[in-house]
Amino acid sequence: MLYLSHQPKTQSPETRRALNAADGYLYFGMFNEALEELESIDFSEQDEAGVLLARIRLLLHKKHWRSAEELSEHGAGLHPEEGEFTVQRAFALHQMRKGEKAAQVLMAAPDWIRRTGILHYNLACYEARLGDLTIARQCINAAIQINEGIKKSARLDPDLQALWN
């Protein structure tokens, strides 16, 4: 899963600490502890982009696809400038085997996301899973042209395995 870099807005020191702790717990697979940290964040900051994205990442790691998709859609509505909500929503839809809907979500993404390569990479995954390897190859080639670093991830991604066989 690829994440866009996120520039946090002004947050309280307590919120920054809780987000860092939640990320650490998530890294070690300690989901309950990560959730406790996120729950400790003041109610007034619960709808900040960084907090919502941390919750979504937790849901994705727990494979709670529907909840992650719904929270991503909510976050995109609150923070339309934050493209990671779109990418995470599409990923959750993809995991629910709703590749066509995931592709639609990405195609409606802001133009700047196309310049990162992430959109093309994810579209390649969706198209490969849907069985259209020609379109998947075009998408992954576009992603690699934009960002050469994507090539290594693409070679290891099980969704794209059919492209390399």
C-alpha atoms as a PDB file:
ATOM      1  CA  MET A   1       0.000   0.000   0.000  1.00  0.00           C
ATOM      2  CA  LEU A   2       1.419   3.359  -0.984  1.00  0.00           C
ATOM      3  CA  TYR A   3       0.819   6.436   1.131  1.00  0.00           C
ATOM      4  CA  LEU A   4       1.034  10.029   0.047  1.00  0.00           C
ATOM      5  CA  SER A   5       3.106  12.275   2.260  1.00  0.00           C
ATOM      6  CA  HIS A   6       0.902  14.132   4.648  1.00  0.00           C
ATOM      7  CA  GLN A   7       1.614  17.629   5.889  1.00  0.00           C
ATOM      8  CA  PRO A   8      -0.151  17.887   9.268  1.00  0.00           C
ATOM      9  CA  LYS A   9      -1.984  21.048  10.175  1.00  0.00           C
ATOM     10  CA  THR A  10      -1.297  22.702  13.481  1.00  0.00           C
ATOM     11  CA  GLN A  11      -1.998  20.115  16.138  1.00  0.00           C
ATOM     12  CA  SER A  12      -1.649  20.156  19.867  1.00  0.00           C
ATOM     13  CA  PRO A  13       1.473  18.474  21.265  1.00  0.00           C
ATOM     14  CA  GLU A  14      -0.814  15.858  22.835  1.00  0.00           C
ATOM     15  CA  THR A  15      -2.342  15.022  19.468  1.00  0.00           C
ATOM     16  CA  ARG A  16       1.073  14.770  17.776  1.00  0.00           C
ATOM     17  CA  ARG A  17       2.243  12.462  20.567  1.00  0.00           C
ATOM     18  CA  ALA A  18      -0.871  10.286  20.274  1.00  0.00           C
ATOM     19  CA  LEU A  19      -0.523  10.062  16.480  1.00  0.00           C
ATOM     20  CA  ASN A  20       3.146   9.112  16.743  1.00  0.00           C
ATOM     21  CA  ALA A  21       2.349   6.510  19.399  1.00  0.00           C
ATOM     22  CA  ALA A  22      -0.521   5.119  17.309  1.00  0.00           C
ATOM     23  CA  ASP A  23       1.797   4.806  14.298  1.00  0.00           C
ATOM     24  CA  GLY A  24       4.324   2.954  16.451  1.00  0.00           C
ATOM     25  CA  TYR A  25       1.726   0.578  17.800  1.00  0.00           C
ATOM     26  CA  LEU A  26       0.370   0.019  14.307  1.00  0.00           C
ATOM     27  CA  TYR A  27       3.856  -0.804  13.055  1.00  0.00           C
ATOM     28  CA  PHE A  28       4.104  -3.564  15.677  1.00  0.00           C
ATOM     29  CA  GLY A  29       0.582  -4.858  15.004  1.00  0.00           C
ATOM     30  CA  MET A  30      -0.707  -3.653  18.363  1.00  0.00           C
ATOM     31  CA  PHE A  31      -4.087  -2.535  17.077  1.00  0.00           C
ATOM     32  CA  ASN A  32      -5.899  -2.108  20.385  1.00  0.00           C
ATOM     33  CA  GLU A  33      -3.137   0.107  21.730  1.00  0.00           C
ATOM     34  CA  ALA A  34      -3.146   2.172  18.514  1.00  0.00           C
ATOM     35  CA  LEU A  35      -6.896   2.632  18.840  1.00  0.00           C
ATOM     36  CA  GLU A  36      -6.532   3.694  22.491  1.00  0.00           C
ATOM     37  CA  GLU A  37      -4.072   6.391  21.422  1.00  0.00           C
ATOM     38  CA  LEU A  38      -6.430   7.642  18.721  1.00  0.00           C
ATOM     39  CA  GLU A  39      -9.335   7.634  21.173  1.00  0.00           C
ATOM     40  CA  SER A  40      -7.281   9.757  23.579  1.00  0.00           C
ATOM     41  CA  ILE A  41      -7.185  12.644  21.099  1.00  0.00           C
ATOM     42  CA  ASP A  42      -9.411  15.549  22.068  1.00  0.00           C
ATOM     43  CA  PHE A  43     -12.844  15.538  20.459  1.00  0.00           C
ATOM     44  CA  SER A  44     -12.141  18.937  18.861  1.00  0.00           C
ATOM     45  CA  GLU A  45      -9.312  17.399  16.797  1.00  0.00           C
ATOM     46  CA  GLN A  46     -10.977  14.107  15.822  1.00  0.00           C
ATOM     47  CA  ASP A  47     -11.968  15.382  12.361  1.00  0.00           C
ATOM     48  CA  GLU A  48      -8.516  16.721  11.460  1.00  0.00           C
ATOM     49  CA  ALA A  49      -7.066  15.106   8.353  1.00  0.00           C
ATOM     50  CA  GLY A  50      -4.110  13.536  10.172  1.00  0.00           C
ATOM     51  CA  VAL A  51      -6.311  11.953  12.810  1.00  0.00           C
ATOM     52  CA  LEU A  52      -8.797  10.612  10.254  1.00  0.00           C
ATOM     53  CA  LEU A  53      -5.986   9.208   8.112  1.00  0.00           C
ATOM     54  CA  ALA A  54      -4.476   7.472  11.143  1.00  0.00           C
ATOM     55  CA  ARG A  55      -7.865   5.877  11.867  1.00  0.00           C
ATOM     56  CA  ILE A  56      -8.187   4.783   8.246  1.00  0.00           C
ATOM     57  CA  ARG A  57      -4.722   3.208   8.276  1.00  0.00           C
ATOM     58  CA  LEU A  58      -5.685   1.303  11.432  1.00  0.00           C
ATOM     59  CA  LEU A  59      -8.897   0.089   9.792  1.00  0.00           C
ATOM     60  CA  LEU A  60      -6.988  -0.983   6.681  1.00  0.00           C
ATOM     61  CA  HIS A  61      -4.442  -2.920   8.731  1.00  0.00           C
ATOM     62  CA  LYS A  62      -7.315  -4.621  10.579  1.00  0.00           C
ATOM     63  CA  LYS A  63      -8.886  -5.393   7.167  1.00  0.00           C
ATOM     64  CA  HIS A  64     -12.076  -3.537   8.052  1.00  0.00           C
ATOM     65  CA  TRP A  65     -12.542  -2.532   4.433  1.00  0.00           C
ATOM     66  CA  ARG A  66     -16.104  -1.192   4.614  1.00  0.00           C
ATOM     67  CA  SER A  67     -15.382   1.042   7.605  1.00  0.00           C
ATOM     68  CA  ALA A  68     -12.163   2.283   5.990  1.00  0.00           C
ATOM     69  CA  GLU A  69     -14.008   3.073   2.768  1.00  0.00           C
ATOM     70  CA  GLU A  70     -16.752   4.965   4.602  1.00  0.00           C
ATOM     71  CA  LEU A  71     -14.323   6.941   6.756  1.00  0.00           C
ATOM     72  CA  SER A  72     -12.215   7.759   3.682  1.00  0.00           C
ATOM     73  CA  GLU A  73     -15.265   9.092   1.883  1.00  0.00           C
ATOM     74  CA  HIS A  74     -16.142  11.178   4.960  1.00  0.00           C
ATOM     75  CA  GLY A  75     -12.572  12.489   5.193  1.00  0.00           C
ATOM     76  CA  ALA A  76     -12.511  13.421   1.505  1.00  0.00           C
ATOM     77  CA  GLY A  77     -15.670  15.429   2.045  1.00  0.00           C
ATOM     78  CA  LEU A  78     -14.154  17.288   5.000  1.00  0.00           C
ATOM     79  CA  HIS A  79     -10.690  17.699   3.456  1.00  0.00           C
ATOM     80  CA  PRO A  80     -10.979  17.700  -0.362  1.00  0.00           C
ATOM     81  CA  GLU A  81      -7.390  18.984  -0.637  1.00  0.00           C
ATOM     82  CA  GLU A  82      -6.020  15.803   0.992  1.00  0.00           C
ATOM     83  CA  GLY A  83      -5.630  13.216  -1.773  1.00  0.00           C
ATOM     84  CA  GLU A  84      -4.768  10.313   0.498  1.00  0.00           C
ATOM     85  CA  PHE A  85      -8.459   9.941   1.379  1.00  0.00           C
ATOM     86  CA  THR A  86      -9.211   9.205  -2.271  1.00  0.00           C
ATOM     87  CA  VAL A  87      -6.359   6.713  -2.564  1.00  0.00           C
ATOM     88  CA  GLN A  88      -7.332   4.931   0.659  1.00  0.00           C
ATOM     89  CA  ARG A  89     -10.996   4.803  -0.326  1.00  0.00           C
ATOM     90  CA  ALA A  90     -10.107   3.261  -3.666  1.00  0.00           C
ATOM     91  CA  PHE A  91      -7.826   0.736  -1.940  1.00  0.00           C
ATOM     92  CA  ALA A  92     -10.593  -0.299   0.462  1.00  0.00           C
ATOM     93  CA  LEU A  93     -13.023  -0.710  -2.434  1.00  0.00           C
ATOM     94  CA  HIS A  94     -10.414  -2.779  -4.251  1.00  0.00           C
ATOM     95  CA  GLN A  95     -10.037  -5.044  -1.228  1.00  0.00           C
ATOM     96  CA  MET A  96     -13.826  -5.514  -1.175  1.00  0.00           C
ATOM     97  CA  ARG A  97     -13.555  -6.741  -4.790  1.00  0.00           C
ATOM     98  CA  LYS A  98     -15.189  -3.573  -6.098  1.00  0.00           C
ATOM     99  CA  GLY A  99     -12.458  -2.791  -8.614  1.00  0.00           C
ATOM    100  CA  GLU A 100     -14.688  -0.935 -11.049  1.00  0.00           C
ATOM    101  CA  LYS A 101     -15.916   1.398  -8.291  1.00  0.00           C
ATOM    102  CA  ALA A 102     -12.331   1.828  -7.065  1.00  0.00           C
ATOM    103  CA  ALA A 103     -11.251   2.843 -10.565  1.00  0.00           C
ATOM    104  CA  GLN A 104     -14.135   5.337 -10.752  1.00  0.00           C
ATOM    105  CA  VAL A 105     -13.064   6.879  -7.440  1.00  0.00           C
ATOM    106  CA  LEU A 106      -9.495   7.289  -8.684  1.00  0.00           C
ATOM    107  CA  MET A 107     -10.575   8.699 -12.036  1.00  0.00           C
ATOM    108  CA  ALA A 108     -12.467  11.419 -10.146  1.00  0.00           C
ATOM    109  CA  ALA A 109      -9.352  12.234  -8.083  1.00  0.00           C
ATOM    110  CA  PRO A 110      -7.721  15.661  -8.293  1.00  0.00           C
ATOM    111  CA  ASP A 111      -5.327  16.135 -11.213  1.00  0.00           C
ATOM    112  CA  TRP A 112      -2.271  16.498  -8.972  1.00  0.00           C
ATOM    113  CA  ILE A 113      -2.603  12.869  -7.853  1.00  0.00           C
ATOM    114  CA  ARG A 114      -1.922  11.786 -11.446  1.00  0.00           C
ATOM    115  CA  ARG A 115       1.512  13.407 -11.188  1.00  0.00           C
ATOM    116  CA  THR A 116       2.526  11.141  -8.278  1.00  0.00           C
ATOM    117  CA  GLY A 117       2.167   7.834 -10.098  1.00  0.00           C
ATOM    118  CA  ILE A 118       0.022   6.418  -7.296  1.00  0.00           C
ATOM    119  CA  LEU A 119      -3.187   6.765  -9.285  1.00  0.00           C
ATOM    120  CA  HIS A 120      -1.741   4.858 -12.257  1.00  0.00           C
ATOM    121  CA  TYR A 121      -0.206   2.224  -9.980  1.00  0.00           C
ATOM    122  CA  ASN A 122      -3.495   1.550  -8.238  1.00  0.00           C
ATOM    123  CA  LEU A 123      -5.413   1.543 -11.519  1.00  0.00           C
ATOM    124  CA  ALA A 124      -2.948  -1.065 -12.800  1.00  0.00           C
ATOM    125  CA  CYS A 125      -3.719  -3.219  -9.755  1.00  0.00           C
ATOM    126  CA  TYR A 126      -7.457  -2.897 -10.267  1.00  0.00           C
ATOM    127  CA  GLU A 127      -7.322  -3.597 -13.997  1.00  0.00           C
ATOM    128  CA  ALA A 128      -5.072  -6.621 -13.474  1.00  0.00           C
ATOM    129  CA  ARG A 129      -7.477  -8.027 -10.895  1.00  0.00           C
ATOM    130  CA  LEU A 130     -10.375  -7.381 -13.285  1.00  0.00           C
ATOM    131  CA  GLY A 131      -8.463  -9.291 -15.973  1.00  0.00           C
ATOM    132  CA  ASP A 132      -7.586  -6.483 -18.393  1.00  0.00           C
ATOM    133  CA  LEU A 133      -3.829  -6.959 -18.571  1.00  0.00           C
ATOM    134  CA  THR A 134      -3.419  -4.626 -21.566  1.00  0.00           C
ATOM    135  CA  ILE A 135      -4.811  -1.654 -19.643  1.00  0.00           C
ATOM    136  CA  ALA A 136      -2.961  -2.779 -16.505  1.00  0.00           C
ATOM    137  CA  ARG A 137       0.357  -2.704 -18.429  1.00  0.00           C
ATOM    138  CA  GLN A 138      -0.391   0.758 -19.763  1.00  0.00           C
ATOM    139  CA  CYS A 139      -1.199   2.011 -16.270  1.00  0.00           C
ATOM    140  CA  ILE A 140       1.883   0.513 -14.616  1.00  0.00           C
ATOM    141  CA  ASN A 141       4.111   1.843 -17.392  1.00  0.00           C
ATOM    142  CA  ALA A 142       2.642   5.328 -16.864  1.00  0.00           C
ATOM    143  CA  ALA A 143       3.232   5.008 -13.109  1.00  0.00           C
ATOM    144  CA  ILE A 144       6.853   3.970 -13.614  1.00  0.00           C
ATOM    145  CA  GLN A 145       7.458   6.806 -16.081  1.00  0.00           C
ATOM    146  CA  ILE A 146       6.245   9.260 -13.452  1.00  0.00           C
ATOM    147  CA  ASN A 147       8.096   7.627 -10.568  1.00  0.00           C
ATOM    148  CA  GLU A 148      10.815   5.054 -11.315  1.00  0.00           C
ATOM    149  CA  GLY A 149      10.760   3.950  -7.664  1.00  0.00           C
ATOM    150  CA  ILE A 150       7.355   2.352  -8.197  1.00  0.00           C
ATOM    151  CA  LYS A 151       8.938  -0.379 -10.327  1.00  0.00           C
ATOM    152  CA  LYS A 152      10.261  -2.322  -7.330  1.00  0.00           C
ATOM    153  CA  SER A 153       6.878  -2.272  -5.557  1.00  0.00           C
ATOM    154  CA  ALA A 154       5.125  -3.276  -8.763  1.00  0.00           C
ATOM    155  CA  ARG A 155       7.346  -6.334  -9.215  1.00  0.00           C
ATOM    156  CA  LEU A 156       6.453  -7.536  -5.707  1.00  0.00           C
ATOM    157  CA  ASP A 157       2.738  -6.680  -5.721  1.00  0.00           C
ATOM    158  CA  PRO A 158       0.577  -9.842  -5.906  1.00  0.00           C
ATOM    159  CA  ASP A 159      -2.144  -7.881  -7.718  1.00  0.00           C
ATOM    160  CA  LEU A 160       0.286  -7.286 -10.586  1.00  0.00           C
ATOM    161  CA  GLN A 161       1.856 -10.758 -10.687  1.00  0.00           C
ATOM    162  CA  ALA A 162       0.015 -11.645 -13.889  1.00  0.00           C
ATOM    163  CA  LEU A 163       1.885  -8.841 -15.690  1.00  0.00           C
ATOM    164  CA  TRP A 164       5.263 -10.405 -14.983  1.00  0.00           C
ATOM    165  CA  ASN A 165       4.388 -14.042 -15.795  1.00  0.00           C
END
